[in-house]
Structure formats: C-alpha cells, structure tokens
C-alpha cells in the first residue's frame, strides 16, 4: 500500500477569459490534485458572488492520459459540491466585496483520484508512472462573474497529493472516472437520459444538478428521480427525499438543486452498480418545467 504521503507544487496555469489552458503533470502516483485559484477582480458598486459561482470560474476541468484517454471531465462547480458533501464543509475560499476596488478572490478545490468516502479509498489512485503523458486542461469561464465583478488576471496553482512509493507497492485495482453531460428539461413529465452500459461501466455515484431558465440552482425543476435497467429499478424516490437522505448520509444541509445518488452501501465498492452485463441503463427525471436544465456528473469506480 502507498506510503510517505507528500505535497508538491506544479507550475501554475494562468487565467484566460473563455480559454482552455494546459499543464503537463509529473509521472508520479497521485491521491488527488489541489487546485489553488487566486484571482484579481475589479469590483463594481454592488459586487456579489457565491462560493459556487467562484468555483464555476473553472468552466471545465479535464485530465487526459496518453493523449486520448479522458479520465476526468467535470465542471468546476462540481468540485465545489463534491468537497461540500464529502467533507461536510465548503472548500476553503475568500471573497472580497469591497465596492469599487481591485480585490483578490481565492478558492482551493480538490480533484480526487482515490475513492472518497469508500471503505478502501486506495483501491483507486492515479499511477502516472505508467502513462506516456498526463495533461491537465482547465477551460475558464468569461471574465464577468457573479454580479458587478470582473476578473482581470489570475492563476490556478497545481499542488499534488502524492505517494513516495515503496518497491513492494501493489498498483491499484480500480480506476476512478468523472464525466459530465447535460440535458434540457424542455417538457413536463418524464425525461429519460440514457447512461453508458456494457463495456467496463461501473457506477459509484450519480450527481444531479437542476437549474431554472436563468441558470440558477433550483429545487422546483423535478420532483422524482428513477434509475432503472429494463424492468429492474435501482432507485425510484421523490427528489426531496433524495435530498433528505443526502442530509443524513453526508451530515450537511442539502444544497439547492443538488441530488446525489450513492450506488454503494456504506462505502462498500462491492455494492456499486455494475453495468457491464446490462443492455440498458436509464435515468428518468419527472420534470415540472419546460425551460430548465439538468447537469449530471457520473462518478465511476471501474474495477478490473
């Protein structure tokens, strides 16, 4: 098992409005990456910004291995919510609301490769030594953020959480993947979303985010969440009951418009949803609106 946990700083990524920026990562063994964002922001007369909106400055975060293997593809806001639910606290952040001033807004986000809230987190770490390349890409949002706040310059410092590996270390037996999709809630009634099945697909959690027609997180877009394969139903709960269950499981007040389907039992990966032998997997949301959006992050724990 990995030992001698340490942190090391990698070269920063410079902020650029609506641009993708990349950095190559060292060939080491990762538990997670820390993304330390620091932004110089010009405030107007009535600045306002939530921590969730600050995280969304990272429009998407991608990690590509060997030039074509996308291990991670998530919006920055998901890293905020995953930290909040998994650690029962917001990511460290500092937002300055001084009117008419040039200020610094900061946040530290975590990109995990180990299995968070699992019985054996180190079933999955990223062994970058066996990859020909490891490229982190951050695509930034536009300069205007929140209300009356505009980014002028900034950086994302990349800090590794890694292992100094003893010679007898056994490589991990699982691979953690994060992927992202979104769909319009353009009708009332059931909205079906086909998920990947067969192949090596194995699901740990499904994160569901619902937004109204202004892009604000909302609890009134859906009222039921179902997950099924053919006639077998894995979940069929009212949306508010999913949030109640999340509150008990994660010891937090549920965030508006956030629903977490945990497909394991008390962190036991043996209870994950194994879709390798399925010929269908469908997420069905009962929509109450015809002008909303659902965003979904699929968290897979792929055992080989």
Protein backbone atom coordinates (compact mmCIF):
# COMPACT_ATOMS: atom_id res chain seq x y z
CA UNK A 1 0.00 0.00 0.00
CA UNK A 2 1.33 3.52 -0.78
CA UNK A 3 3.24 5.32 2.00
CA UNK A 4 5.08 8.59 2.64
CA UNK A 5 2.29 10.94 1.57
CA UNK A 6 3.54 14.33 0.43
CA UNK A 7 2.54 17.55 -1.39
CA UNK A 8 4.48 19.09 -4.27
CA UNK A 9 3.86 22.22 -6.34
CA UNK A 10 3.50 22.01 -10.11
CA UNK A 11 3.75 25.05 -12.39
CA UNK A 12 0.61 27.21 -12.29
CA UNK A 13 -1.97 27.71 -15.03
CA UNK A 14 -2.60 31.35 -15.93
CA UNK A 15 -6.20 32.51 -16.14
CA UNK A 16 -7.55 33.47 -19.57
CA UNK A 17 -11.13 34.52 -20.25
CA UNK A 18 -13.10 31.76 -22.05
CA UNK A 19 -9.87 29.94 -22.90
CA UNK A 20 -8.52 26.42 -22.35
CA UNK A 21 -5.10 26.26 -20.70
CA UNK A 22 -2.99 23.13 -20.13
CA UNK A 23 -0.17 21.84 -17.96
CA UNK A 24 1.72 18.56 -18.14
CA UNK A 25 1.81 16.66 -14.85
CA UNK A 26 4.75 14.70 -13.42
CA UNK A 27 4.96 10.90 -13.65
CA UNK A 28 4.13 10.08 -10.03
CA UNK A 29 1.40 8.37 -8.01
CA UNK A 30 -1.50 10.69 -7.14
CA UNK A 31 -4.17 10.57 -4.46
CA UNK A 32 -5.55 13.93 -5.61
CA UNK A 33 -4.70 17.31 -7.08
CA UNK A 34 -5.26 20.57 -5.22
CA UNK A 35 -6.25 23.49 -7.44
CA UNK A 36 -5.47 26.76 -5.65
CA UNK A 37 -7.23 29.55 -7.55
CA UNK A 38 -6.28 33.19 -6.93
CA UNK A 39 -7.98 35.91 -8.99
CA UNK A 40 -7.51 39.66 -9.18
CA UNK A 41 -11.03 41.04 -9.58
CA UNK A 42 -12.37 44.54 -10.24
CA UNK A 43 -15.49 45.17 -8.17
CA UNK A 44 -18.29 47.49 -9.22
CA UNK A 45 -20.61 49.43 -6.95
CA UNK A 46 -22.63 46.40 -5.79
CA UNK A 47 -20.44 43.28 -6.07
CA UNK A 48 -21.89 39.87 -5.22
CA UNK A 49 -20.52 36.36 -5.72
CA UNK A 50 -21.29 32.99 -4.16
CA UNK A 51 -18.66 30.34 -3.49
CA UNK A 52 -20.38 28.12 -6.06
CA UNK A 53 -20.06 30.87 -8.68
CA UNK A 54 -16.39 31.33 -7.83
CA UNK A 55 -15.77 27.60 -8.41
CA UNK A 56 -17.53 27.93 -11.78
CA UNK A 57 -14.71 30.19 -12.98
CA UNK A 58 -13.22 26.79 -13.86
CA UNK A 59 -15.76 26.09 -16.59
CA UNK A 60 -14.42 22.56 -17.12
CA UNK A 61 -11.53 20.57 -15.72
CA UNK A 62 -10.13 17.74 -17.85
CA UNK A 63 -7.37 15.23 -17.29
CA UNK A 64 -6.20 13.41 -20.41
CA UNK A 65 -3.81 10.47 -20.28
CA UNK A 66 -1.66 9.26 -23.18
CA UNK A 67 -3.07 11.95 -25.48
CA UNK A 68 -6.54 10.43 -25.92
CA UNK A 69 -7.77 8.83 -22.66
CA UNK A 70 -10.02 11.31 -20.83
CA UNK A 71 -10.06 10.23 -17.20
CA UNK A 72 -11.71 13.40 -15.85
CA UNK A 73 -14.17 15.78 -17.49
CA UNK A 74 -16.14 17.86 -14.97
CA UNK A 75 -17.34 21.43 -14.46
CA UNK A 76 -15.56 23.35 -11.73
CA UNK A 77 -18.77 23.80 -9.78
CA UNK A 78 -18.93 20.02 -9.28
CA UNK A 79 -15.61 20.07 -7.43
CA UNK A 80 -17.16 22.62 -5.05
CA UNK A 81 -20.18 20.41 -4.34
CA UNK A 82 -18.17 17.19 -4.08
CA UNK A 83 -15.95 18.81 -1.46
CA UNK A 84 -19.01 20.13 0.41
CA UNK A 85 -20.77 16.76 0.55
CA UNK A 86 -17.71 14.58 1.13
CA UNK A 87 -16.14 16.81 3.81
CA UNK A 88 -19.28 18.46 5.26
CA UNK A 89 -17.80 21.92 4.73
CA UNK A 90 -17.27 24.35 1.87
CA UNK A 91 -13.90 24.36 0.12
CA UNK A 92 -11.59 26.99 1.63
CA UNK A 93 -12.42 30.31 -0.01
CA UNK A 94 -12.17 34.05 0.42
CA UNK A 95 -14.36 36.54 -1.49
CA UNK A 96 -13.91 40.32 -1.15
CA UNK A 97 -17.00 42.52 -1.59
CA UNK A 98 -15.27 45.90 -1.27
CA UNK A 99 -17.17 48.21 -3.66
CA UNK A 100 -15.23 49.93 -6.42
CA UNK A 101 -11.95 48.21 -5.56
CA UNK A 102 -9.44 45.83 -7.08
CA UNK A 103 -9.58 42.76 -4.83
CA UNK A 104 -8.36 39.16 -4.61
CA UNK A 105 -10.81 36.25 -4.55
CA UNK A 106 -9.47 32.79 -3.68
CA UNK A 107 -10.58 29.16 -3.52
CA UNK A 108 -8.94 25.77 -3.05
CA UNK A 109 -10.58 22.89 -4.93
CA UNK A 110 -9.72 19.18 -4.85
CA UNK A 111 -9.64 16.77 -7.78
CA UNK A 112 -9.64 13.27 -6.26
CA UNK A 113 -8.26 10.08 -7.76
CA UNK A 114 -8.74 7.97 -4.64
CA UNK A 115 -12.26 6.75 -3.86
CA UNK A 116 -13.70 9.34 -1.48
CA UNK A 117 -15.99 8.00 1.25
CA UNK A 118 -15.07 4.42 0.37
CA UNK A 119 -14.08 1.61 2.74
CA UNK A 120 -10.73 1.34 0.93
CA UNK A 121 -10.02 4.72 -0.75
CA UNK A 122 -6.68 3.49 -2.12
CA UNK A 123 -8.38 0.88 -4.28
CA UNK A 124 -8.04 3.71 -6.80
CA UNK A 125 -5.16 6.16 -7.15
CA UNK A 126 -3.67 7.58 -10.34
CA UNK A 127 -0.38 5.86 -11.14
CA UNK A 128 1.00 8.35 -13.61
CA UNK A 129 4.28 6.47 -13.98
CA UNK A 130 2.71 4.07 -16.46
CA UNK A 131 1.31 6.83 -18.71
CA UNK A 132 3.17 8.38 -21.64
CA UNK A 133 1.59 11.77 -20.83
CA UNK A 134 -0.66 13.36 -18.21
CA UNK A 135 -2.19 16.68 -19.24
CA UNK A 136 -4.45 18.79 -17.05
CA UNK A 137 -6.64 21.21 -19.02
CA UNK A 138 -8.68 23.98 -17.41
CA UNK A 139 -11.16 25.86 -19.57
CA UNK A 140 -12.03 29.16 -17.93
CA UNK A 141 -15.36 30.97 -17.95
CA UNK A 142 -15.82 34.57 -19.10
CA UNK A 143 -14.26 37.46 -17.17
CA UNK A 144 -17.56 38.73 -15.73
CA UNK A 145 -18.54 36.66 -12.68
CA UNK A 146 -21.38 36.95 -10.18
CA UNK A 147 -22.72 40.49 -10.03
CA UNK A 148 -20.52 43.53 -10.66
CA UNK A 149 -17.26 41.57 -10.52
CA UNK A 150 -14.78 41.21 -13.40
CA UNK A 151 -11.60 39.14 -13.42
CA UNK A 152 -8.51 40.94 -14.72
CA UNK A 153 -5.79 38.37 -14.04
CA UNK A 154 -5.33 35.18 -12.07
CA UNK A 155 -3.66 31.83 -11.58
CA UNK A 156 -4.50 28.27 -10.62
CA UNK A 157 -1.61 26.75 -8.70
CA UNK A 158 -1.47 22.97 -9.04
CA UNK A 159 -0.41 21.10 -5.91
CA UNK A 160 -0.06 17.32 -5.90
CA UNK A 161 -1.07 14.99 -3.10
CA UNK A 162 1.11 12.02 -3.96
CA UNK A 163 2.91 8.98 -2.63
CA UNK A 164 6.56 8.15 -2.42
CA UNK A 165 6.15 4.55 -3.49
CA UNK A 166 7.96 1.62 -1.84
CA UNK A 167 9.27 -1.08 -4.16
CA UNK A 168 6.74 -3.66 -2.99
CA UNK A 169 3.71 -1.45 -3.64
CA UNK A 170 0.86 -3.16 -5.50
CA UNK A 171 -0.84 -1.00 -8.15
CA UNK A 172 -4.49 -0.03 -7.53
CA UNK A 173 -7.24 -2.35 -8.69
CA UNK A 174 -9.79 0.28 -9.72
CA UNK A 175 -9.95 3.38 -11.88
CA UNK A 176 -11.94 6.45 -10.85
CA UNK A 177 -13.58 8.32 -13.73
CA UNK A 178 -15.63 11.53 -13.67
CA UNK A 179 -17.66 12.54 -16.73
CA UNK A 180 -20.25 15.20 -17.43
CA UNK A 181 -23.38 15.67 -19.51
CA UNK A 182 -26.37 17.98 -19.57
CA UNK A 183 -29.88 17.92 -20.96
CA UNK A 184 -32.70 20.41 -21.32
CA UNK A 185 -35.81 19.95 -19.23
CA UNK A 186 -37.92 21.06 -22.19
CA UNK A 187 -41.18 19.38 -21.27
CA UNK A 188 -43.18 18.45 -18.22
CA UNK A 189 -43.40 14.78 -17.30
CA UNK A 190 -40.78 12.06 -17.59
CA UNK A 191 -37.45 12.97 -19.18
CA UNK A 192 -35.25 9.95 -19.96
CA UNK A 193 -31.48 10.15 -20.08
CA UNK A 194 -29.58 7.15 -21.44
CA UNK A 195 -26.43 6.32 -19.48
CA UNK A 196 -23.47 4.21 -20.59
CA UNK A 197 -23.78 0.47 -20.02
CA UNK A 198 -21.86 -2.66 -21.01
CA UNK A 199 -18.14 -2.35 -21.59
CA UNK A 200 -16.37 -1.64 -18.29
CA UNK A 201 -19.03 0.72 -16.90
CA UNK A 202 -19.37 0.56 -13.09
CA UNK A 203 -21.04 3.38 -11.16
CA UNK A 204 -20.21 4.73 -7.71
CA UNK A 205 -22.40 7.85 -7.62
CA UNK A 206 -24.58 9.94 -9.91
CA UNK A 207 -24.65 13.68 -9.19
CA UNK A 208 -27.72 15.57 -10.45
CA UNK A 209 -27.87 19.38 -10.64
CA UNK A 210 -31.04 21.23 -11.68
CA UNK A 211 -31.19 24.83 -12.88
CA UNK A 212 -34.04 27.15 -13.82
CA UNK A 213 -34.22 29.15 -17.03
CA UNK A 214 -31.91 31.85 -15.59
CA UNK A 215 -29.19 29.33 -14.77
CA UNK A 216 -29.87 29.50 -11.02
CA UNK A 217 -29.89 26.29 -8.99
CA UNK A 218 -33.47 25.29 -8.20
CA UNK A 219 -35.35 22.64 -6.21
CA UNK A 220 -38.56 23.02 -8.22
CA UNK A 221 -37.44 21.67 -11.59
CA UNK A 222 -38.01 17.96 -10.81
CA UNK A 223 -40.00 16.00 -8.23
CA UNK A 224 -38.89 12.39 -8.78
CA UNK A 225 -35.70 10.51 -9.69
CA UNK A 226 -35.71 6.98 -11.08
CA UNK A 227 -32.84 4.79 -12.22
CA UNK A 228 -33.66 1.53 -13.99
CA UNK A 229 -32.48 -1.12 -16.41
CA UNK A 230 -35.37 -2.75 -18.25
CA UNK A 231 -37.81 -3.85 -15.55
CA UNK A 232 -35.29 -3.65 -12.68
CA UNK A 233 -35.49 -0.41 -10.72
CA UNK A 234 -32.42 0.66 -8.72
CA UNK A 235 -33.92 3.89 -7.39
CA UNK A 236 -37.36 5.47 -7.51
CA UNK A 237 -37.60 8.29 -4.96
CA UNK A 238 -39.21 11.72 -4.73
CA UNK A 239 -36.50 14.32 -5.32
CA UNK A 240 -36.93 15.93 -1.90
CA UNK A 241 -36.49 12.52 -0.24
CA UNK A 242 -33.18 12.09 -2.08
CA UNK A 243 -32.05 15.38 -0.54
CA UNK A 244 -33.24 14.26 2.89
CA UNK A 245 -31.23 11.05 2.51
CA UNK A 246 -28.19 13.07 1.39
CA UNK A 247 -28.52 15.23 4.51
CA UNK A 248 -28.33 12.17 6.75
CA UNK A 249 -25.61 10.41 4.77
CA UNK A 250 -23.29 13.41 4.44
CA UNK A 251 -24.22 15.35 7.62
CA UNK A 252 -24.88 18.57 5.70
CA UNK A 253 -27.81 20.79 4.83
CA UNK A 254 -28.62 19.86 1.23
CA UNK A 255 -27.69 22.42 -1.38
CA UNK A 256 -30.45 23.79 -3.59
CA UNK A 257 -30.83 21.83 -6.82
CA UNK A 258 -28.34 19.11 -5.85
CA UNK A 259 -29.21 15.39 -5.64
CA UNK A 260 -26.65 12.63 -5.02
CA UNK A 261 -27.48 9.03 -5.88
CA UNK A 262 -24.97 6.90 -3.97
CA UNK A 263 -24.91 3.49 -5.62
CA UNK A 264 -22.76 1.84 -2.94
CA UNK A 265 -23.64 0.70 0.56
CA UNK A 266 -21.70 2.42 3.36
CA UNK A 267 -18.77 2.94 1.02
CA UNK A 268 -18.51 -0.71 0.00
CA UNK A 269 -17.46 -0.79 -3.64
CA UNK A 270 -18.72 -4.36 -3.92
CA UNK A 271 -22.19 -2.78 -3.87
CA UNK A 272 -21.52 -0.40 -6.79
CA UNK A 273 -23.85 -0.50 -9.80
CA UNK A 274 -22.04 -2.88 -12.15
CA UNK A 275 -23.38 -2.15 -15.64
CA UNK A 276 -21.02 -4.44 -17.54
CA UNK A 277 -23.68 -7.07 -18.18
CA UNK A 278 -26.59 -4.66 -18.71
CA UNK A 279 -28.16 -3.84 -22.08
CA UNK A 280 -29.82 -0.64 -20.85
CA UNK A 281 -29.40 1.96 -18.09
CA UNK A 282 -31.77 4.92 -17.94
CA UNK A 283 -32.04 7.86 -15.56
CA UNK A 284 -35.64 9.15 -15.55
CA UNK A 285 -36.47 12.54 -14.05
CA UNK A 286 -40.02 13.78 -13.62
CA UNK A 287 -39.81 17.35 -14.89
CA UNK A 288 -42.12 20.07 -13.58
CA UNK A 289 -40.97 22.66 -16.12
CA UNK A 290 -40.37 23.11 -19.81
CA UNK A 291 -37.49 25.58 -19.59
CA UNK A 292 -34.95 24.16 -17.16
CA UNK A 293 -31.64 22.30 -17.36
CA UNK A 294 -30.24 19.23 -15.67
CA UNK A 295 -26.48 18.70 -15.40
CA UNK A 296 -25.17 15.27 -14.47
CA UNK A 297 -21.77 14.08 -13.26
CA UNK A 298 -21.16 10.35 -13.48
CA UNK A 299 -18.69 9.03 -10.92
CA UNK A 300 -17.45 5.58 -11.91
CA UNK A 301 -15.32 3.14 -9.93
CA UNK A 302 -14.09 0.72 -12.56
CA UNK A 303 -12.64 -2.47 -11.10
CA UNK A 304 -10.61 -4.66 -13.43
